[in-house]
Protein backbone atom coordinates (compact mmCIF):
# COMPACT_ATOMS: atom_id res chain seq x y z
CA MET A 1 119.44 -4.45 104.46
CA ASN A 2 118.38 -1.77 106.91
CA ALA A 3 117.91 -4.09 109.87
CA GLU A 4 120.88 -4.32 112.16
CA SER A 5 122.62 -7.67 112.51
CA PRO A 6 121.50 -9.48 115.69
CA HIS A 7 125.15 -10.42 116.28
CA ILE A 8 126.30 -6.78 116.52
CA LEU A 9 125.72 -5.50 120.05
CA PRO A 10 125.60 -1.78 120.95
CA ASP A 11 127.94 -2.28 123.90
CA ARG A 12 131.03 -4.37 124.30
CA PRO A 13 130.05 -7.77 125.83
CA GLN A 14 131.53 -8.60 129.19
CA ILE A 15 133.31 -11.90 129.78
CA ARG A 16 131.98 -13.81 132.80
CA GLN A 17 132.98 -16.98 134.59
CA LEU A 18 130.02 -19.40 134.58
CA ASP A 19 129.10 -20.97 137.89
CA GLU A 20 129.52 -24.70 138.48
CA ALA A 21 125.80 -25.46 138.11
CA ALA A 22 125.59 -23.80 134.68
CA VAL A 23 128.76 -25.56 133.54
CA ASN A 24 127.34 -28.94 134.56
CA ARG A 25 124.02 -28.30 132.78
CA ILE A 26 125.88 -27.33 129.60
CA ALA A 27 128.02 -30.46 129.84
CA ALA A 28 124.91 -32.55 130.39
CA GLY A 29 123.59 -31.35 127.03
CA GLU A 30 126.57 -33.06 125.36
CA VAL A 31 126.81 -36.18 127.50
CA VAL A 32 123.14 -36.90 128.34
CA GLU A 33 120.95 -36.49 125.29
CA ARG A 34 118.12 -38.79 126.43
CA PRO A 35 117.46 -41.45 129.11
CA ALA A 36 119.35 -44.04 127.04
CA SER A 37 122.45 -41.83 127.24
CA ALA A 38 122.24 -41.88 131.04
CA VAL A 39 121.88 -45.68 131.03
CA LYS A 40 124.93 -45.98 128.77
CA GLU A 41 127.11 -43.86 131.05
CA LEU A 42 126.02 -45.65 134.22
CA VAL A 43 126.41 -49.17 132.80
CA GLU A 44 129.84 -48.29 131.41
CA ASN A 45 130.84 -47.05 134.88
CA ALA A 46 129.71 -50.40 136.30
CA LEU A 47 131.78 -52.29 133.73
CA ASP A 48 134.83 -50.14 134.50
CA ALA A 49 134.33 -51.04 138.17
CA GLY A 50 134.76 -54.73 137.30
CA ALA A 51 131.11 -55.71 137.72
CA ARG A 52 130.12 -59.26 136.74
CA ARG A 53 126.39 -58.69 137.29
CA ILE A 54 124.52 -55.54 136.23
CA GLU A 55 120.80 -54.88 136.72
CA VAL A 56 119.11 -51.98 134.93
CA ALA A 57 115.57 -50.85 135.83
CA TYR A 58 113.61 -47.93 134.44
CA ALA A 59 110.14 -46.41 134.67
CA ASP A 60 108.20 -44.39 132.09
CA GLY A 61 110.88 -44.78 129.43
CA GLY A 62 113.56 -43.66 131.89
CA LYS A 63 112.01 -40.22 132.38
CA THR A 64 110.99 -40.76 135.99
CA LEU A 65 113.44 -43.46 137.11
CA ILE A 66 116.68 -45.11 136.03
CA ARG A 67 118.35 -47.50 138.48
CA VAL A 68 121.61 -49.34 137.80
CA THR A 69 122.83 -51.93 140.32
CA ASP A 70 126.22 -53.64 140.05
CA ASP A 71 128.55 -55.85 142.06
CA GLY A 72 131.70 -53.94 141.16
CA CYS A 73 134.49 -52.66 143.40
CA GLY A 74 132.34 -49.88 144.89
CA MET A 75 133.35 -46.54 146.40
CA THR A 76 134.13 -45.34 149.91
CA ALA A 77 132.40 -42.50 151.75
CA GLY A 78 135.32 -40.23 150.87
CA ASP A 79 135.08 -41.12 147.16
CA LEU A 80 131.43 -40.16 146.74
CA PRO A 81 131.71 -36.34 146.79
CA LEU A 82 134.73 -36.51 144.52
CA ALA A 83 132.84 -38.74 142.06
CA LEU A 84 130.28 -35.94 141.66
CA SER A 85 132.94 -33.35 140.85
CA ARG A 86 133.63 -32.49 137.23
CA HIS A 87 136.63 -34.15 135.61
CA ALA A 88 137.23 -36.42 138.60
CA THR A 89 137.88 -40.02 137.53
CA SER A 90 139.71 -43.16 138.58
CA LYS A 91 140.19 -44.37 135.00
CA ILE A 92 143.16 -42.20 133.95
CA ASP A 93 145.72 -39.99 135.68
CA GLY A 94 145.80 -37.35 132.93
CA SER A 95 149.38 -38.04 131.85
CA ASP A 96 148.48 -40.10 128.75
CA LEU A 97 145.21 -39.39 126.92
CA LEU A 98 145.99 -41.86 124.13
CA ASN A 99 146.42 -45.03 126.17
CA ILE A 100 142.78 -45.31 127.29
CA ARG A 101 141.63 -48.82 128.19
CA SER A 102 138.35 -48.07 129.98
CA PHE A 103 134.87 -47.08 128.81
CA GLY A 104 134.80 -43.81 130.74
CA PHE A 105 137.63 -41.38 131.32
CA ARG A 106 136.26 -37.82 131.09
CA GLY A 107 134.71 -37.62 134.58
CA GLU A 108 131.60 -35.81 133.31
CA ALA A 109 128.74 -38.31 133.51
CA LEU A 110 127.82 -38.29 137.21
CA PRO A 111 128.05 -34.50 137.76
CA SER A 112 126.09 -33.96 134.54
CA LEU A 113 123.33 -36.32 135.68
CA GLY A 114 123.23 -34.65 139.08
CA ALA A 115 122.89 -31.26 137.41
CA VAL A 116 119.74 -32.13 135.44
CA GLY A 117 118.05 -34.74 137.66
CA ARG A 118 117.75 -36.12 141.18
CA LEU A 119 120.69 -38.46 141.64
CA LYS A 120 121.42 -40.78 144.56
CA ILE A 121 124.48 -43.03 144.78
CA THR A 122 124.78 -45.83 147.33
CA SER A 123 128.06 -47.73 147.35
CA ARG A 124 130.27 -49.98 149.41
CA ALA A 125 133.91 -50.86 148.83
CA ALA A 126 135.53 -53.97 150.27
CA GLY A 127 136.66 -53.35 153.83
CA HIS A 128 134.56 -50.18 154.23
CA ASP A 129 131.06 -49.32 155.39
CA ALA A 130 128.38 -48.47 152.87
CA ALA A 131 127.54 -44.81 152.26
CA GLU A 132 125.22 -42.76 150.10
CA ILE A 133 125.12 -39.27 148.65
CA ALA A 134 122.38 -37.36 146.86
CA VAL A 135 122.42 -34.39 144.50
CA SER A 136 119.42 -32.59 142.97
CA GLY A 137 119.74 -29.95 140.27
CA GLY A 138 123.42 -29.54 141.11
CA ARG A 139 122.88 -29.12 144.89
CA MET A 140 124.86 -31.76 146.74
CA GLU A 141 123.82 -33.16 150.12
CA PRO A 142 126.24 -34.51 152.75
CA VAL A 143 127.35 -38.14 152.75
CA ARG A 144 125.28 -40.43 154.98
CA PRO A 145 125.67 -44.04 156.20
CA ALA A 146 123.70 -46.61 154.22
CA ALA A 147 122.98 -50.34 154.01
CA LEU A 148 124.47 -52.27 151.09
CA THR A 149 126.24 -55.60 150.84
CA ARG A 150 128.61 -54.76 147.99
CA GLY A 151 128.94 -52.82 144.75
CA THR A 152 127.02 -49.68 143.79
CA VAL A 153 123.41 -48.62 143.23
CA VAL A 154 122.87 -45.44 141.21
CA GLU A 155 119.30 -44.11 141.15
CA LEU A 156 118.36 -41.25 138.85
CA ARG A 157 114.87 -39.78 139.17
CA ASP A 158 113.07 -37.05 137.22
CA LEU A 159 115.66 -36.68 134.48
CA PHE A 160 115.80 -33.13 133.04
CA TYR A 161 113.52 -31.71 135.75
CA ALA A 162 116.14 -28.95 136.20
CA THR A 163 116.14 -28.22 132.45
CA PRO A 164 112.44 -28.43 131.47
CA ALA A 165 113.13 -27.32 127.90
CA ARG A 166 114.98 -30.58 127.29
CA LEU A 167 111.92 -32.60 128.31
CA LYS A 168 110.02 -31.24 125.28
CA PHE A 169 112.52 -32.93 122.95
CA LEU A 170 112.09 -36.41 124.42
CA ARG A 171 110.06 -38.92 122.47
CA SER A 172 107.29 -41.19 123.73
CA ASP A 173 107.88 -43.53 126.66
CA ARG A 174 107.87 -46.47 124.28
CA ALA A 175 110.49 -44.93 121.98
CA GLU A 176 112.75 -43.99 124.90
CA ALA A 177 112.36 -47.48 126.37
CA GLN A 178 113.39 -49.03 123.07
CA ALA A 179 116.48 -46.80 122.99
CA ILE A 180 117.39 -47.99 126.50
CA ARG A 181 117.00 -51.60 125.41
CA ASP A 182 119.23 -51.00 122.37
CA VAL A 183 121.96 -49.53 124.60
CA VAL A 184 121.85 -52.47 127.03
CA GLN A 185 121.88 -54.97 124.17
CA ARG A 186 124.96 -53.35 122.62
CA LEU A 187 126.84 -53.39 125.91
CA ALA A 188 125.73 -56.98 126.55
CA MET A 189 127.23 -57.97 123.19
CA ALA A 190 130.45 -56.13 124.09
CA GLU A 191 130.77 -58.04 127.39
CA PRO A 192 129.49 -61.62 126.92
CA TYR A 193 130.97 -62.80 130.25
CA VAL A 194 128.89 -60.29 132.28
CA THR A 195 125.28 -60.94 133.35
CA PHE A 196 122.79 -58.24 132.29
CA THR A 197 119.19 -57.80 133.41
CA LEU A 198 116.84 -55.11 132.08
CA SER A 199 113.46 -54.47 133.74
CA ASP A 200 110.58 -52.06 133.24
CA VAL A 201 109.27 -51.05 136.69
CA SER A 202 106.69 -48.53 135.51
CA GLY A 203 103.79 -48.56 137.96
CA GLY A 204 105.90 -49.85 140.85
CA GLY A 205 106.74 -53.32 142.07
CA GLU A 206 109.40 -55.64 140.68
CA GLY A 207 108.27 -54.83 137.17
CA ARG A 208 108.66 -56.87 134.01
CA VAL A 209 111.99 -58.38 132.92
CA LEU A 210 112.61 -57.43 129.30
CA LEU A 211 116.08 -58.89 128.86
CA ARG A 212 118.12 -61.35 130.83
CA ALA A 213 121.50 -62.45 129.56
CA ASP A 214 123.46 -64.62 131.96
CA GLY A 215 127.23 -64.44 131.78
CA GLU A 216 128.57 -66.93 129.24
CA GLN A 217 131.43 -69.38 129.65
CA GLY A 218 134.12 -70.79 127.38
CA GLU A 219 136.25 -69.36 124.62
CA LEU A 220 135.55 -65.98 123.03
CA PHE A 221 133.65 -67.22 119.97
CA ASP A 222 131.63 -69.74 121.98
CA ALA A 223 130.70 -67.10 124.56
CA LEU A 224 129.97 -64.42 121.99
CA GLY A 225 127.96 -66.80 119.82
CA ALA A 226 125.83 -67.83 122.79
CA ARG A 227 125.32 -64.19 123.84
CA LEU A 228 124.26 -63.19 120.29
CA ARG A 229 121.82 -66.09 120.19
CA ARG A 230 120.24 -64.80 123.39
CA VAL A 231 120.24 -61.10 122.44
CA LEU A 232 119.65 -61.13 118.67
CA GLY A 233 117.85 -64.46 118.38
CA ALA A 234 118.49 -67.90 116.93
CA GLU A 235 118.01 -66.80 113.31
CA PHE A 236 121.03 -64.50 113.37
CA ALA A 237 123.18 -67.05 115.21
CA ASP A 238 122.25 -69.84 112.79
CA ASN A 239 123.07 -67.74 109.73
CA ALA A 240 126.20 -65.92 110.92
CA LEU A 241 129.80 -66.69 110.04
CA PRO A 242 132.62 -66.36 112.61
CA ILE A 243 135.09 -63.63 111.68
CA ASP A 244 138.70 -63.72 112.87
CA ALA A 245 141.22 -61.75 110.80
CA GLU A 246 144.30 -59.71 111.54
CA ARG A 247 146.36 -57.14 109.66
CA GLU A 248 149.25 -54.96 110.83
CA GLY A 249 148.48 -55.32 114.50
CA ILE A 250 144.70 -54.83 114.25
CA ARG A 251 142.45 -57.83 114.86
CA LEU A 252 138.85 -58.20 113.67
CA THR A 253 136.57 -60.63 115.51
CA GLY A 254 132.84 -61.23 115.61
CA PHE A 255 130.08 -62.67 113.45
CA ALA A 256 128.71 -61.59 110.06
CA ALA A 257 125.51 -62.90 108.53
CA LEU A 258 125.17 -64.56 105.16
CA PRO A 259 124.05 -62.25 102.33
CA THR A 260 120.74 -64.10 102.04
CA TYR A 261 120.05 -63.08 105.65
CA SER A 262 120.10 -59.37 104.74
CA ARG A 263 117.81 -56.79 106.32
CA GLY A 264 115.66 -54.00 104.93
CA ALA A 265 117.42 -51.43 107.15
CA ALA A 266 120.71 -51.20 109.03
CA VAL A 267 119.13 -52.45 112.27
CA GLU A 268 121.48 -55.36 112.93
CA GLN A 269 124.85 -53.69 112.47
CA PHE A 270 126.78 -53.54 115.73
CA LEU A 271 130.34 -52.23 115.58
CA PHE A 272 132.83 -52.08 118.43
CA VAL A 273 136.37 -50.77 118.83
CA ASN A 274 138.28 -52.40 121.70
CA GLY A 275 134.89 -53.48 123.06
CA ARG A 276 133.44 -49.96 122.93
CA PRO A 277 130.14 -49.60 120.96
CA VAL A 278 130.66 -47.00 118.24
CA ARG A 279 128.82 -45.53 115.26
CA ASP A 280 131.56 -44.66 112.83
CA LYS A 281 131.15 -43.73 109.15
CA LEU A 282 134.43 -45.37 108.21
CA LEU A 283 133.48 -48.74 109.69
CA ILE A 284 129.90 -48.64 108.38
CA GLY A 285 131.21 -47.81 104.90
CA ALA A 286 133.69 -50.68 105.08
CA LEU A 287 130.91 -53.09 106.09
CA ARG A 288 128.79 -51.93 103.16
CA ALA A 289 131.75 -52.28 100.78
CA ALA A 290 132.42 -55.84 101.95
CA TYR A 291 128.89 -56.89 100.94
CA MET A 292 128.78 -54.69 97.84
CA ASP A 293 129.11 -57.63 95.47
CA VAL A 294 126.41 -59.80 97.02
CA LEU A 295 123.65 -57.40 98.07
CA SER A 296 121.39 -55.05 96.19
CA ARG A 297 121.36 -51.39 97.22
CA ASP A 298 118.11 -51.64 99.15
CA ARG A 299 119.37 -54.43 101.43
CA HIS A 300 121.67 -54.14 104.44
CA PRO A 301 124.05 -56.70 105.96
CA ALA A 302 123.82 -57.90 109.55
CA ALA A 303 127.01 -58.14 111.59
CA VAL A 304 128.54 -57.86 115.06
CA LEU A 305 132.20 -56.87 114.68
CA ASN A 306 134.90 -55.81 117.12
CA LEU A 307 138.18 -54.18 116.07
CA VAL A 308 140.92 -54.75 118.61
CA CYS A 309 144.09 -52.65 118.46
CA ASP A 310 146.56 -50.79 120.64
CA PRO A 311 144.60 -47.92 122.27
CA GLU A 312 147.26 -45.50 121.07
CA ARG A 313 146.26 -46.23 117.45
CA VAL A 314 142.70 -44.97 117.91
CA ASP A 315 141.38 -41.72 119.41
CA VAL A 316 138.15 -42.20 121.38
CA ASN A 317 138.16 -38.62 122.70
CA VAL A 318 136.51 -37.18 119.58
CA HIS A 319 133.14 -36.43 121.20
CA PRO A 320 131.90 -36.38 124.83
CA ALA A 321 129.49 -39.23 124.06
CA LYS A 322 132.48 -41.34 122.86
CA ALA A 323 130.41 -42.86 120.05
CA GLU A 324 132.84 -41.68 117.37
CA VAL A 325 136.46 -42.74 116.98
CA ARG A 326 139.36 -41.72 114.80
CA PHE A 327 141.98 -44.22 113.63
CA ARG A 328 145.60 -43.31 113.15
CA GLU A 329 145.66 -45.60 110.07
CA PRO A 330 142.06 -45.59 108.81
CA GLY A 331 142.99 -47.41 105.60
CA VAL A 332 144.29 -50.42 107.54
CA ALA A 333 141.12 -50.67 109.64
CA ARG A 334 138.85 -50.33 106.62
CA GLY A 335 140.86 -52.77 104.51
CA LEU A 336 140.80 -55.35 107.30
CA ILE A 337 137.00 -55.25 107.51
CA VAL A 338 136.55 -55.52 103.75
CA SER A 339 139.08 -58.31 103.22
CA GLY A 340 138.14 -60.22 106.38
CA LEU A 341 134.43 -60.28 105.55
CA ARG A 342 134.93 -61.10 101.89
CA HIS A 343 137.24 -63.98 102.78
CA ALA A 344 134.67 -65.36 105.23
CA LEU A 345 131.85 -65.05 102.68
CA ALA A 346 133.98 -66.82 100.08
CA GLU A 347 134.80 -69.57 102.58
CA ALA A 348 131.07 -70.11 103.10
CA GLY A 349 130.90 -71.32 99.49
CA HIS A 350 127.40 -72.11 98.28
CA ARG A 351 125.79 -71.82 101.73
CA ALA A 352 122.54 -69.87 101.93
CA SER A 353 120.68 -68.80 105.06
CA SER A 354 118.29 -71.19 106.79
CA THR A 355 115.61 -68.51 106.77
CA VAL A 356 115.15 -69.07 103.02
CA ALA A 357 113.66 -72.50 103.70
CA GLY A 358 111.49 -71.06 106.45
CA MET A 359 110.08 -68.39 104.15
CA THR A 360 109.45 -71.05 101.49
CA LEU A 361 107.54 -73.24 103.90
CA GLY A 362 105.63 -70.20 105.11
CA ALA A 363 104.60 -69.41 101.55
CA MET A 364 103.22 -72.94 101.24
CA ARG A 365 100.93 -72.41 104.23
CA PRO A 366 98.35 -69.75 103.36
CA GLU A 367 96.20 -68.66 106.26
CA PRO A 368 92.69 -70.16 105.98
CA ALA A 369 90.00 -67.56 105.41
CA ALA A 370 87.47 -69.45 107.54
CA PRO A 371 87.58 -72.05 110.31
CA ARG A 372 88.84 -75.36 108.99
CA ILE A 373 86.12 -77.87 108.05
CA TYR A 374 87.20 -81.48 107.93
CA GLN A 375 86.00 -83.84 105.19
CA MET A 376 84.37 -86.13 107.70
CA ASP A 377 82.29 -83.16 108.87
CA ARG A 378 81.11 -82.16 105.38
CA PRO A 379 82.31 -84.37 102.52
CA SER A 380 82.44 -82.98 99.01
CA GLN A 381 80.25 -84.30 96.16
CA THR A 382 83.30 -85.93 94.56
CA ALA A 383 84.11 -87.70 97.82
CA LEU A 384 80.48 -88.84 98.12
CA ARG A 385 80.46 -90.28 94.56
CA ALA A 386 83.77 -92.08 95.16
CA SER A 387 82.42 -93.46 98.42
CA TYR A 388 79.21 -94.73 96.75
CA ALA A 389 81.24 -96.33 93.93
CA ALA A 390 83.51 -98.09 96.39
CA GLN A 391 80.49 -99.55 98.15
CA ALA A 392 78.89 -100.74 94.90
CA PRO A 393 79.04 -104.45 93.95
CA LEU A 394 82.18 -105.51 92.05
CA THR A 395 81.38 -106.11 88.34
CA PRO A 396 83.09 -109.00 86.45
CA GLU A 397 85.06 -106.57 84.25
CA LEU A 398 86.34 -104.61 87.25
CA ALA A 399 87.26 -107.79 89.09
CA GLU A 400 89.32 -109.01 86.10
CA ALA A 401 91.13 -105.62 85.83
CA THR A 402 91.88 -105.63 89.54
CA ALA A 403 93.35 -109.12 89.34
CA ARG A 404 95.65 -108.08 86.44
CA TYR A 405 96.95 -104.96 88.24
CA GLU A 406 100.52 -105.10 89.48
CA PRO A 407 102.15 -102.12 91.22
CA ALA A 408 105.14 -100.58 89.49
CA PRO A 409 108.46 -101.74 90.93
CA VAL A 410 110.02 -99.26 93.37
CA ILE A 411 113.59 -98.39 92.40
CA GLU A 412 115.75 -97.71 95.44
CA GLU A 413 118.25 -95.06 94.44
CA ALA A 414 120.18 -93.26 97.14
CA PRO A 415 121.01 -89.60 96.43
CA GLU A 416 124.61 -88.75 95.65
CA ASP A 417 126.75 -87.72 98.57
CA HIS A 418 126.94 -84.02 97.70
CA PRO A 419 125.71 -80.94 99.60
CA LEU A 420 123.33 -80.01 96.78
CA GLY A 421 122.43 -83.61 95.99
CA ALA A 422 121.69 -85.22 92.64
CA ALA A 423 119.43 -83.71 89.98
CA ARG A 424 116.14 -85.57 89.62
CA ALA A 425 114.01 -83.28 87.44
CA GLN A 426 113.56 -79.87 85.84
CA VAL A 427 110.19 -78.13 86.17
CA HIS A 428 108.91 -75.21 84.12
CA GLU A 429 112.26 -75.23 82.32
CA ASN A 430 113.71 -73.04 85.10
CA TYR A 431 113.88 -74.94 88.38
CA ILE A 432 116.10 -77.94 89.07
CA ILE A 433 114.85 -80.43 91.65
CA ALA A 434 117.68 -82.28 93.38
CA GLN A 435 117.53 -84.98 96.02
CA THR A 436 119.91 -84.79 98.97
CA ALA A 437 120.63 -87.25 101.76
CA THR A 438 118.30 -85.36 104.12
CA GLY A 439 115.72 -83.76 101.84
CA MET A 440 115.55 -81.87 98.56
CA VAL A 441 116.94 -78.76 96.90
CA ILE A 442 115.17 -76.45 94.44
CA VAL A 443 117.62 -74.45 92.30
CA ASP A 444 116.86 -71.40 90.17
CA GLN A 445 119.00 -72.35 87.18
CA HIS A 446 119.26 -68.82 85.73
CA ALA A 447 120.15 -67.13 89.04
CA ALA A 448 122.66 -69.84 89.94
CA HIS A 449 124.42 -69.81 86.58
CA GLU A 450 124.43 -66.00 86.61
CA ARG A 451 126.49 -66.03 89.82
CA LEU A 452 128.82 -68.71 88.43
CA VAL A 453 129.50 -66.74 85.24
CA TYR A 454 129.93 -63.53 87.25
CA GLU A 455 132.55 -65.10 89.52
CA ARG A 456 134.33 -66.49 86.45
CA LEU A 457 134.46 -63.02 84.85
CA LYS A 458 135.80 -61.49 88.06
CA ARG A 459 138.56 -64.09 88.24
CA GLN A 460 139.53 -63.25 84.68
CA ARG A 461 139.51 -59.54 85.55
CA ASP A 462 141.78 -60.09 88.54
CA ALA A 463 144.14 -62.30 86.55
CA THR A 464 144.56 -60.10 83.48
CA GLY A 465 143.60 -56.68 84.85
CA VAL A 466 140.99 -54.25 83.58
CA ALA A 467 141.49 -53.32 79.93
CA ALA A 468 141.71 -49.58 79.36
CA GLN A 469 140.67 -47.58 76.30
CA ALA A 470 142.77 -44.51 75.47
CA LEU A 471 140.79 -41.37 74.76
CA LEU A 472 141.56 -39.72 71.43
CA ILE A 473 141.32 -36.34 73.14
CA PRO A 474 141.96 -36.41 76.89
CA GLU A 475 139.06 -35.06 78.93
CA ILE A 476 139.99 -32.18 81.23
CA VAL A 477 138.08 -31.96 84.51
CA ASP A 478 138.37 -28.80 86.61
CA LEU A 479 138.40 -29.35 90.36
CA SER A 480 139.68 -27.57 93.43
CA GLU A 481 143.38 -28.05 94.06
CA SER A 482 142.70 -30.12 97.19
CA ASP A 483 140.27 -32.42 95.32
CA ALA A 484 142.68 -32.80 92.43
CA GLN A 485 145.50 -33.75 94.79
CA LEU A 486 143.25 -36.24 96.58
CA LEU A 487 142.51 -37.99 93.28
CA LEU A 488 146.16 -37.98 92.26
CA ASP A 489 147.05 -39.57 95.60
CA HIS A 490 144.89 -42.54 94.51
CA ALA A 491 145.98 -42.47 90.86
CA GLU A 492 147.88 -45.79 91.03
CA ALA A 493 144.90 -47.67 92.44
CA LEU A 494 142.59 -46.12 89.83
CA LYS A 495 145.00 -46.98 87.02
CA ALA A 496 144.82 -50.65 87.99
CA LEU A 497 141.08 -50.39 87.27
CA GLY A 498 141.60 -48.82 83.86
CA LEU A 499 141.26 -45.12 84.82
CA THR A 500 144.42 -43.13 84.04
CA LEU A 501 144.70 -39.63 85.49
CA GLU A 502 147.39 -36.98 85.09
CA PRO A 503 147.80 -33.49 86.56
CA PHE A 504 146.99 -30.69 84.13
CA GLY A 505 147.97 -27.66 86.17
CA GLY A 506 146.20 -26.07 89.11
CA GLY A 507 143.11 -28.05 90.01
CA ALA A 508 142.68 -29.56 86.53
CA ILE A 509 142.90 -33.32 85.96
CA ALA A 510 143.47 -34.90 82.54
CA VAL A 511 141.65 -38.22 82.03
CA ARG A 512 143.79 -40.20 79.56
CA GLU A 513 142.19 -43.65 79.73
CA THR A 514 138.91 -45.11 80.97
CA PRO A 515 137.89 -48.74 81.57
CA ALA A 516 136.98 -50.37 78.25
CA LEU A 517 134.12 -52.29 79.87
CA LEU A 518 132.27 -49.06 80.69
CA GLY A 519 132.16 -47.86 77.10
CA GLU A 520 131.50 -44.14 76.81
CA VAL A 521 132.07 -42.53 80.19
CA ASN A 522 131.15 -39.14 81.63
CA ALA A 523 134.59 -38.63 83.16
CA ALA A 524 133.67 -35.53 85.18
CA ALA A 525 130.68 -37.24 86.82
CA LEU A 526 132.73 -40.37 87.53
CA LEU A 527 135.55 -38.38 89.17
CA ARG A 528 133.11 -36.45 91.36
CA ASP A 529 131.43 -39.69 92.47
CA ILE A 530 134.85 -41.07 93.42
CA LEU A 531 135.70 -37.86 95.25
CA ASP A 532 132.48 -38.02 97.26
CA GLU A 533 133.42 -41.49 98.51
CA LEU A 534 137.01 -40.46 99.24
CA HIS A 535 135.82 -37.54 101.35
CA ASP A 536 133.20 -39.62 103.12
CA LEU A 537 135.03 -42.90 103.70
CA GLY A 538 138.68 -42.24 102.94
CA SER A 539 138.66 -44.66 100.01
CA SER A 540 136.47 -45.34 97.00
CA GLN A 541 134.86 -48.43 95.53
CA LYS A 542 132.84 -46.44 93.01
CA LEU A 543 134.89 -47.34 89.94
CA LEU A 544 135.17 -51.00 90.92
CA SER A 545 131.43 -51.16 91.55
CA LYS A 546 130.71 -49.74 88.10
CA ILE A 547 133.01 -52.33 86.50
CA ASP A 548 131.42 -55.11 88.54
CA ALA A 549 127.97 -53.87 87.50
CA VAL A 550 128.99 -54.31 83.84
CA LEU A 551 130.38 -57.79 84.57
CA SER A 552 127.11 -58.60 86.35
CA ARG A 553 125.11 -57.58 83.29
CA MET A 554 127.41 -59.64 81.08
CA ALA A 555 126.92 -62.61 83.40
CA CYS A 556 123.15 -62.16 83.27
CA HIS A 557 123.10 -62.20 79.46
CA GLY A 558 125.63 -65.03 79.24
CA SER A 559 123.99 -67.39 81.70
CA ILE A 560 121.51 -70.18 81.15
CA ARG A 561 118.18 -68.61 80.29
CA SER A 562 114.89 -69.47 81.88
CA GLY A 563 112.93 -71.75 79.60
CA ARG A 564 115.85 -73.84 78.41
CA ARG A 565 115.61 -77.59 78.90
CA MET A 566 118.67 -79.12 80.52
CA ARG A 567 119.89 -82.70 80.39
CA SER A 568 120.55 -84.60 83.60
CA GLU A 569 124.32 -84.33 83.23
CA GLU A 570 124.05 -80.56 82.65
CA MET A 571 121.99 -80.10 85.79
CA ASN A 572 124.41 -82.13 87.89
CA ALA A 573 127.36 -80.22 86.45
CA LEU A 574 125.69 -76.97 87.49
CA LEU A 575 125.17 -78.29 91.01
CA ARG A 576 128.81 -79.40 91.31
CA GLU A 577 130.07 -76.02 90.08
CA MET A 578 127.84 -74.26 92.60
CA GLU A 579 129.38 -76.31 95.40
CA ALA A 580 132.88 -75.28 94.27
CA THR A 581 132.18 -71.57 93.66
CA PRO A 582 132.32 -68.99 96.47
CA MET A 583 129.12 -67.04 97.21
CA SER A 584 127.04 -69.16 94.84
CA GLY A 585 124.27 -69.33 97.44
CA GLN A 586 122.97 -65.95 96.22
CA CYS A 587 122.71 -64.30 92.84
CA ASN A 588 124.39 -61.01 91.95
CA HIS A 589 121.52 -59.11 93.59
CA GLY A 590 121.53 -60.96 96.92
CA ARG A 591 118.58 -63.25 96.21
CA PRO A 592 118.98 -66.96 97.05
CA THR A 593 119.90 -69.26 94.17
CA TYR A 594 118.45 -72.34 95.83
CA VAL A 595 116.10 -73.45 98.59
CA GLU A 596 116.81 -76.51 100.72
CA LEU A 597 113.92 -78.34 102.34
CA LYS A 598 114.59 -81.03 104.92
CA LEU A 599 112.59 -84.23 104.71
CA SER A 600 111.11 -83.48 108.11
CA ASP A 601 109.84 -80.11 106.78
CA ILE A 602 108.25 -81.78 103.76
CA GLU A 603 106.61 -84.42 105.93
CA ARG A 604 105.26 -81.70 108.19
CA LEU A 605 103.64 -80.04 105.17
CA PHE A 606 101.65 -83.23 104.59
CA GLY A 607 100.86 -83.79 108.24
CA ARG A 608 103.02 -86.90 108.50
CA THR A 609 104.64 -85.88 111.80
């Protein structure tokens, strides 16, 4: 190449000290990515101030106005200039950066916002007069007296006006508004005892209230459940299981939805660490692993989970935005999520989500193509003929037949007292119709038996272990020394699943045995898949998932086939086994194994209510 490198300068570069305004604008690029980032920082400041009521208002997707009002402890006139100085904070004293118990602690948010927008803070602390301060593009104005009853009002106008290039990277007003709503919803879920209000004041006036979540009362799960019902909706709350598990000093609380309430994207996964909303690969991977056995790959679980531990066991100072965390014992945190969720799903037994019945009823109500025409408005020819016949004189033969007619006796038979009821019929040699005390159940016999056989095979696997087949000639896989050591560190766990590894010098690994269930295995490809998961998540479920996939196929081929007639006792035996088997409410691919229809729903279909 003849062209000179752009990184090689003709003269020696000179080191300069950046001024305070430039430093704040650079910091703002890390802390304030978009209007939602500003809302997050300001609401977290309000929560750290002990606020019990927080009101958020924005205009034009937060580009022209963001206003956060709280009833927290407030600040004095002397605090305001210091609050706008970099690395000034009341949350920590700087002596211990591991024991962090507040949302904020870096002291960067307010000066960063003041560097890229027009910021005004009005505040009043108990026993002091209210005061306000303004800063625009990094230029601070003197403190002035103000009128305020209590708490703090932070008003940010014209975000990024001082850095116009950043404005070009913002999305539409609607997209930015949705991001703001997502941030407020996450923080509202983290603090169920605090009242949150979100309003869009575009165009002036009081605006339109988009979200109002009053502070809840009662115990943690009651308060959180009520808050999730308000924020995420009744469907999630009705189909979510309470989660409360603990391991080695880390506690997992929250709610996780049934597998049959899965989503097409990861839009209802909310993870918190000590109440702080985070997006962490380790936790997301653990959530996915917990549902691995009950969801297909194109479906995503829904959950709101909070890991609570000693602050010294987790580092929240990984990134200025504080959305990433690093655990001192990542394996413990991951294992707690997987085991806690799987235990809760197993405890749910045969339960399936209520939305299954709703979708079934919806499928029975096709939208009419034209305005409805009642029979009395335009009777059909068949109805006309029946009407004429009914009005015709009664012939002697018909009179004699009518006199002989006796209605068939009605047999009163109460359904058995079981959750899935008593089998009454089989239709199309695939669906079992059962009567319950409050309605009816329709069971897919193949899907249900497939899950039952699958769970039986897994119990056998856990009891006797995974059989291994010794390779006649060990397969040698060349890896880097670090990758080889990483696999050998997990050799014991892999051996329990039938995969035996031994060091072969340098970065080479000798594969001595492979799981018998997998048959012929491409050992090199399998090891690299396991390595990818180990690098990404710190642990690997790849081998176990492959074994479970084989067991799932075995269960599919060994289960009751569609088209087979079943006797009444066989159908009832299947129902009883479903009630006793964990996770029998969905098949191996996450689809429901049965649909329950309440009698009131059925009556509504026929217009009887």
